[in-house]
Amino acid sequence: MEKSKVFIYCQVSSCELRNLLDYQENTLRNLICSLDINVVAVVRKVSTGKKTYIG
């Protein structure tokens, strides 16, 4: 049977918190590995999550 596949998305709200991106990714990878699932991609983003509109 084929393994399930996942996409990891990590986000923090400021550059000062960039080290938490490593923590998020590593924590999720460890969990996913224990569930025998394949990681197909990882996105690491620094953003407040607010939408920006250009008028």
PDB file of N, CA and C in Angstrom:
ATOM      1  N   MET A   1       0.829  -1.177   0.000  1.00  0.00           N
ATOM      2  CA  MET A   1       0.000   0.000   0.000  1.00  0.00           C
ATOM      3  C   MET A   1       0.879   1.248   0.000  1.00  0.00           C
ATOM      4  N   GLU A   2       0.497   2.253  -0.769  1.00  0.00           N
ATOM      5  CA  GLU A   2       1.270   3.490  -0.876  1.00  0.00           C
ATOM      6  C   GLU A   2       1.125   4.329   0.395  1.00  0.00           C
ATOM      7  N   LYS A   3       2.239   4.941   0.816  1.00  0.00           N
ATOM      8  CA  LYS A   3       2.213   5.805   1.992  1.00  0.00           C
ATOM      9  C   LYS A   3       1.438   7.083   1.692  1.00  0.00           C
ATOM     10  N   SER A   4       0.818   7.617   2.715  1.00  0.00           N
ATOM     11  CA  SER A   4       0.173   8.926   2.581  1.00  0.00           C
ATOM     12  C   SER A   4       1.249   9.989   2.404  1.00  0.00           C
ATOM     13  N   LYS A   5       0.872  11.112   1.821  1.00  0.00           N
ATOM     14  CA  LYS A   5       1.802  12.217   1.580  1.00  0.00           C
ATOM     15  C   LYS A   5       1.260  13.479   2.230  1.00  0.00           C
ATOM     16  N   VAL A   6       2.178  14.275   2.797  1.00  0.00           N
ATOM     17  CA  VAL A   6       1.768  15.528   3.432  1.00  0.00           C
ATOM     18  C   VAL A   6       2.650  16.681   2.975  1.00  0.00           C
ATOM     19  N   PHE A   7       2.122  17.866   3.159  1.00  0.00           N
ATOM     20  CA  PHE A   7       2.784  19.124   2.866  1.00  0.00           C
ATOM     21  C   PHE A   7       2.874  19.865   4.197  1.00  0.00           C
ATOM     22  N   ILE A   8       4.084  20.250   4.606  1.00  0.00           N
ATOM     23  CA  ILE A   8       4.268  20.958   5.874  1.00  0.00           C
ATOM     24  C   ILE A   8       4.332  22.459   5.606  1.00  0.00           C
ATOM     25  N   TYR A   9       3.542  23.225   6.364  1.00  0.00           N
ATOM     26  CA  TYR A   9       3.524  24.679   6.258  1.00  0.00           C
ATOM     27  C   TYR A   9       3.828  25.248   7.635  1.00  0.00           C
ATOM     28  N   CYS A  10       4.951  25.976   7.740  1.00  0.00           N
ATOM     29  CA  CYS A  10       5.355  26.581   9.008  1.00  0.00           C
ATOM     30  C   CYS A  10       5.359  28.092   8.845  1.00  0.00           C
ATOM     31  N   GLN A  11       4.838  28.806   9.843  1.00  0.00           N
ATOM     32  CA  GLN A  11       4.778  30.264   9.745  1.00  0.00           C
ATOM     33  C   GLN A  11       5.001  30.888  11.107  1.00  0.00           C
ATOM     34  N   VAL A  12       5.773  31.977  11.112  1.00  0.00           N
ATOM     35  CA  VAL A  12       5.935  32.811  12.301  1.00  0.00           C
ATOM     36  C   VAL A  12       5.620  34.245  11.909  1.00  0.00           C
ATOM     37  N   SER A  13       5.364  35.079  12.912  1.00  0.00           N
ATOM     38  CA  SER A  13       4.881  36.426  12.628  1.00  0.00           C
ATOM     39  C   SER A  13       5.967  37.490  12.511  1.00  0.00           C
ATOM     40  N   SER A  14       7.205  37.170  12.903  1.00  0.00           N
ATOM     41  CA  SER A  14       8.271  38.180  12.794  1.00  0.00           C
ATOM     42  C   SER A  14       9.620  37.506  12.615  1.00  0.00           C
ATOM     43  N   CYS A  15      10.571  38.282  12.116  1.00  0.00           N
ATOM     44  CA  CYS A  15      11.926  37.753  11.881  1.00  0.00           C
ATOM     45  C   CYS A  15      12.595  37.309  13.178  1.00  0.00           C
ATOM     46  N   GLU A  16      12.221  37.947  14.292  1.00  0.00           N
ATOM     47  CA  GLU A  16      12.806  37.576  15.579  1.00  0.00           C
ATOM     48  C   GLU A  16      12.439  36.141  15.980  1.00  0.00           C
ATOM     49  N   LEU A  17      11.384  35.610  15.407  1.00  0.00           N
ATOM     50  CA  LEU A  17      10.916  34.263  15.747  1.00  0.00           C
ATOM     51  C   LEU A  17      11.338  33.206  14.725  1.00  0.00           C
ATOM     52  N   ARG A  18      12.257  33.554  13.848  1.00  0.00           N
ATOM     53  CA  ARG A  18      12.661  32.628  12.771  1.00  0.00           C
ATOM     54  C   ARG A  18      13.144  31.284  13.294  1.00  0.00           C
ATOM     55  N   ASN A  19      13.792  31.281  14.469  1.00  0.00           N
ATOM     56  CA  ASN A  19      14.289  30.011  15.011  1.00  0.00           C
ATOM     57  C   ASN A  19      13.134  29.048  15.311  1.00  0.00           C
ATOM     58  N   LEU A  20      11.936  29.580  15.495  1.00  0.00           N
ATOM     59  CA  LEU A  20      10.786  28.710  15.732  1.00  0.00           C
ATOM     60  C   LEU A  20      10.367  27.949  14.473  1.00  0.00           C
ATOM     61  N   LEU A  21      10.774  28.435  13.308  1.00  0.00           N
ATOM     62  CA  LEU A  21      10.485  27.702  12.070  1.00  0.00           C
ATOM     63  C   LEU A  21      11.166  26.333  12.100  1.00  0.00           C
ATOM     64  N   ASP A  22      12.404  26.299  12.579  1.00  0.00           N
ATOM     65  CA  ASP A  22      13.117  25.018  12.710  1.00  0.00           C
ATOM     66  C   ASP A  22      12.377  24.102  13.677  1.00  0.00           C
ATOM     67  N   TYR A  23      11.971  24.664  14.801  1.00  0.00           N
ATOM     68  CA  TYR A  23      11.254  23.879  15.808  1.00  0.00           C
ATOM     69  C   TYR A  23       9.953  23.308  15.239  1.00  0.00           C
ATOM     70  N   GLN A  24       9.178  24.157  14.566  1.00  0.00           N
ATOM     71  CA  GLN A  24       7.915  23.699  13.981  1.00  0.00           C
ATOM     72  C   GLN A  24       8.147  22.568  12.986  1.00  0.00           C
ATOM     73  N   GLU A  25       9.100  22.794  12.083  1.00  0.00           N
ATOM     74  CA  GLU A  25       9.361  21.777  11.053  1.00  0.00           C
ATOM     75  C   GLU A  25       9.839  20.468  11.679  1.00  0.00           C
ATOM     76  N   ASN A  26      10.783  20.551  12.601  1.00  0.00           N
ATOM     77  CA  ASN A  26      11.323  19.331  13.223  1.00  0.00           C
ATOM     78  C   ASN A  26      10.262  18.577  14.011  1.00  0.00           C
ATOM     79  N   THR A  27       9.421  19.304  14.725  1.00  0.00           N
ATOM     80  CA  THR A  27       8.356  18.669  15.497  1.00  0.00           C
ATOM     81  C   THR A  27       7.376  17.952  14.580  1.00  0.00           C
ATOM     82  N   LEU A  28       6.982  18.616  13.506  1.00  0.00           N
ATOM     83  CA  LEU A  28       6.048  17.997  12.562  1.00  0.00           C
ATOM     84  C   LEU A  28       6.677  16.817  11.831  1.00  0.00           C
ATOM     85  N   ARG A  29       7.947  16.948  11.435  1.00  0.00           N
ATOM     86  CA  ARG A  29       8.627  15.830  10.763  1.00  0.00           C
ATOM     87  C   ARG A  29       8.701  14.601  11.668  1.00  0.00           C
ATOM     88  N   ASN A  30       9.008  14.819  12.959  1.00  0.00           N
ATOM     89  CA  ASN A  30       9.082  13.693  13.898  1.00  0.00           C
ATOM     90  C   ASN A  30       7.729  13.010  14.043  1.00  0.00           C
ATOM     91  N   LEU A  31       6.678  13.785  14.142  1.00  0.00           N
ATOM     92  CA  LEU A  31       5.333  13.217  14.247  1.00  0.00           C
ATOM     93  C   LEU A  31       4.971  12.449  12.983  1.00  0.00           C
ATOM     94  N   ILE A  32       5.225  13.051  11.841  1.00  0.00           N
ATOM     95  CA  ILE A  32       4.881  12.434  10.561  1.00  0.00           C
ATOM     96  C   ILE A  32       5.681  11.150  10.347  1.00  0.00           C
ATOM     97  N   CYS A  33       6.946  11.178  10.707  1.00  0.00           N
ATOM     98  CA  CYS A  33       7.789   9.986  10.574  1.00  0.00           C
ATOM     99  C   CYS A  33       7.247   8.847  11.433  1.00  0.00           C
ATOM    100  N   SER A  34       6.794   9.167  12.633  1.00  0.00           N
ATOM    101  CA  SER A  34       6.268   8.128  13.518  1.00  0.00           C
ATOM    102  C   SER A  34       4.962   7.535  12.990  1.00  0.00           C
ATOM    103  N   LEU A  35       4.282   8.267  12.111  1.00  0.00           N
ATOM    104  CA  LEU A  35       3.044   7.782  11.508  1.00  0.00           C
ATOM    105  C   LEU A  35       3.271   7.119  10.150  1.00  0.00           C
ATOM    106  N   ASP A  36       4.554   7.026   9.761  1.00  0.00           N
ATOM    107  CA  ASP A  36       4.930   6.392   8.490  1.00  0.00           C
ATOM    108  C   ASP A  36       4.280   7.089   7.282  1.00  0.00           C
ATOM    109  N   ILE A  37       4.428   8.418   7.255  1.00  0.00           N
ATOM    110  CA  ILE A  37       3.879   9.261   6.179  1.00  0.00           C
ATOM    111  C   ILE A  37       5.038   9.969   5.495  1.00  0.00           C
ATOM    112  N   ASN A  38       4.938  10.186   4.195  1.00  0.00           N
ATOM    113  CA  ASN A  38       5.974  10.884   3.436  1.00  0.00           C
ATOM    114  C   ASN A  38       5.719  12.390   3.392  1.00  0.00           C
ATOM    115  N   VAL A  39       6.787  13.175   3.618  1.00  0.00           N
ATOM    116  CA  VAL A  39       6.724  14.629   3.460  1.00  0.00           C
ATOM    117  C   VAL A  39       7.108  14.934   2.016  1.00  0.00           C
ATOM    118  N   VAL A  40       6.212  15.608   1.285  1.00  0.00           N
ATOM    119  CA  VAL A  40       6.501  15.918  -0.115  1.00  0.00           C
ATOM    120  C   VAL A  40       7.023  17.335  -0.305  1.00  0.00           C
ATOM    121  N   ALA A  41       6.734  18.239   0.649  1.00  0.00           N
ATOM    122  CA  ALA A  41       7.220  19.619   0.536  1.00  0.00           C
ATOM    123  C   ALA A  41       7.112  20.311   1.883  1.00  0.00           C
ATOM    124  N   VAL A  42       7.954  21.337   2.059  1.00  0.00           N
ATOM    125  CA  VAL A  42       7.921  22.147   3.272  1.00  0.00           C
ATOM    126  C   VAL A  42       7.992  23.612   2.865  1.00  0.00           C
ATOM    127  N   VAL A  43       7.109  24.416   3.439  1.00  0.00           N
ATOM    128  CA  VAL A  43       7.151  25.869   3.250  1.00  0.00           C
ATOM    129  C   VAL A  43       7.395  26.488   4.603  1.00  0.00           C
ATOM    130  N   ARG A  44       8.343  27.421   4.659  1.00  0.00           N
ATOM    131  CA  ARG A  44       8.660  28.143   5.885  1.00  0.00           C
ATOM    132  C   ARG A  44       8.485  29.623   5.578  1.00  0.00           C
ATOM    133  N   LYS A  45       7.618  30.283   6.342  1.00  0.00           N
ATOM    134  CA  LYS A  45       7.239  31.654   6.002  1.00  0.00           C
ATOM    135  C   LYS A  45       7.263  32.558   7.226  1.00  0.00           C
ATOM    136  N   VAL A  46       7.762  33.796   7.018  1.00  0.00           N
ATOM    137  CA  VAL A  46       7.682  34.835   8.035  1.00  0.00           C
ATOM    138  C   VAL A  46       6.649  35.832   7.536  1.00  0.00           C
ATOM    139  N   SER A  47       5.523  35.914   8.245  1.00  0.00           N
ATOM    140  CA  SER A  47       4.431  36.786   7.823  1.00  0.00           C
ATOM    141  C   SER A  47       3.458  36.974   8.974  1.00  0.00           C
ATOM    142  N   THR A  48       2.838  38.153   9.016  1.00  0.00           N
ATOM    143  CA  THR A  48       1.833  38.403  10.049  1.00  0.00           C
ATOM    144  C   THR A  48       0.522  37.734   9.696  1.00  0.00           C
ATOM    145  N   GLY A  49       0.381  37.339   8.447  1.00  0.00           N
ATOM    146  CA  GLY A  49      -0.848  36.689   8.019  1.00  0.00           C
ATOM    147  C   GLY A  49      -1.922  37.671   7.592  1.00  0.00           C
ATOM    148  N   LYS A  50      -1.631  38.976   7.723  1.00  0.00           N
ATOM    149  CA  LYS A  50      -2.598  39.994   7.329  1.00  0.00           C
ATOM    150  C   LYS A  50      -2.538  40.173   5.818  1.00  0.00           C
ATOM    151  N   LYS A  51      -3.688  40.379   5.234  1.00  0.00           N
ATOM    152  CA  LYS A  51      -3.750  40.599   3.791  1.00  0.00           C
ATOM    153  C   LYS A  51      -3.336  42.035   3.480  1.00  0.00           C
ATOM    154  N   THR A  52      -2.573  42.191   2.434  1.00  0.00           N
ATOM    155  CA  THR A  52      -2.157  43.517   2.002  1.00  0.00           C
ATOM    156  C   THR A  52      -2.872  43.851   0.704  1.00  0.00           C
ATOM    157  N   TYR A  53      -3.516  44.987   0.699  1.00  0.00           N
ATOM    158  CA  TYR A  53      -4.226  45.439  -0.507  1.00  0.00           C
ATOM    159  C   TYR A  53      -3.493  46.638  -1.091  1.00  0.00           C
ATOM    160  N   ILE A  54      -3.270  46.574  -2.377  1.00  0.00           N
ATOM    161  CA  ILE A  54      -2.630  47.684  -3.079  1.00  0.00           C
ATOM    162  C   ILE A  54      -3.703  48.388  -3.882  1.00  0.00           C
ATOM    163  N   GLY A  55      -3.906  49.681  -3.588  1.00  0.00           N
ATOM    164  CA  GLY A  55      -5.003  50.434  -4.235  1.00  0.00           C
ATOM    165  C   GLY A  55      -4.660  51.076  -5.519  1.00  0.00           C
TER     166      GLY A  55
END
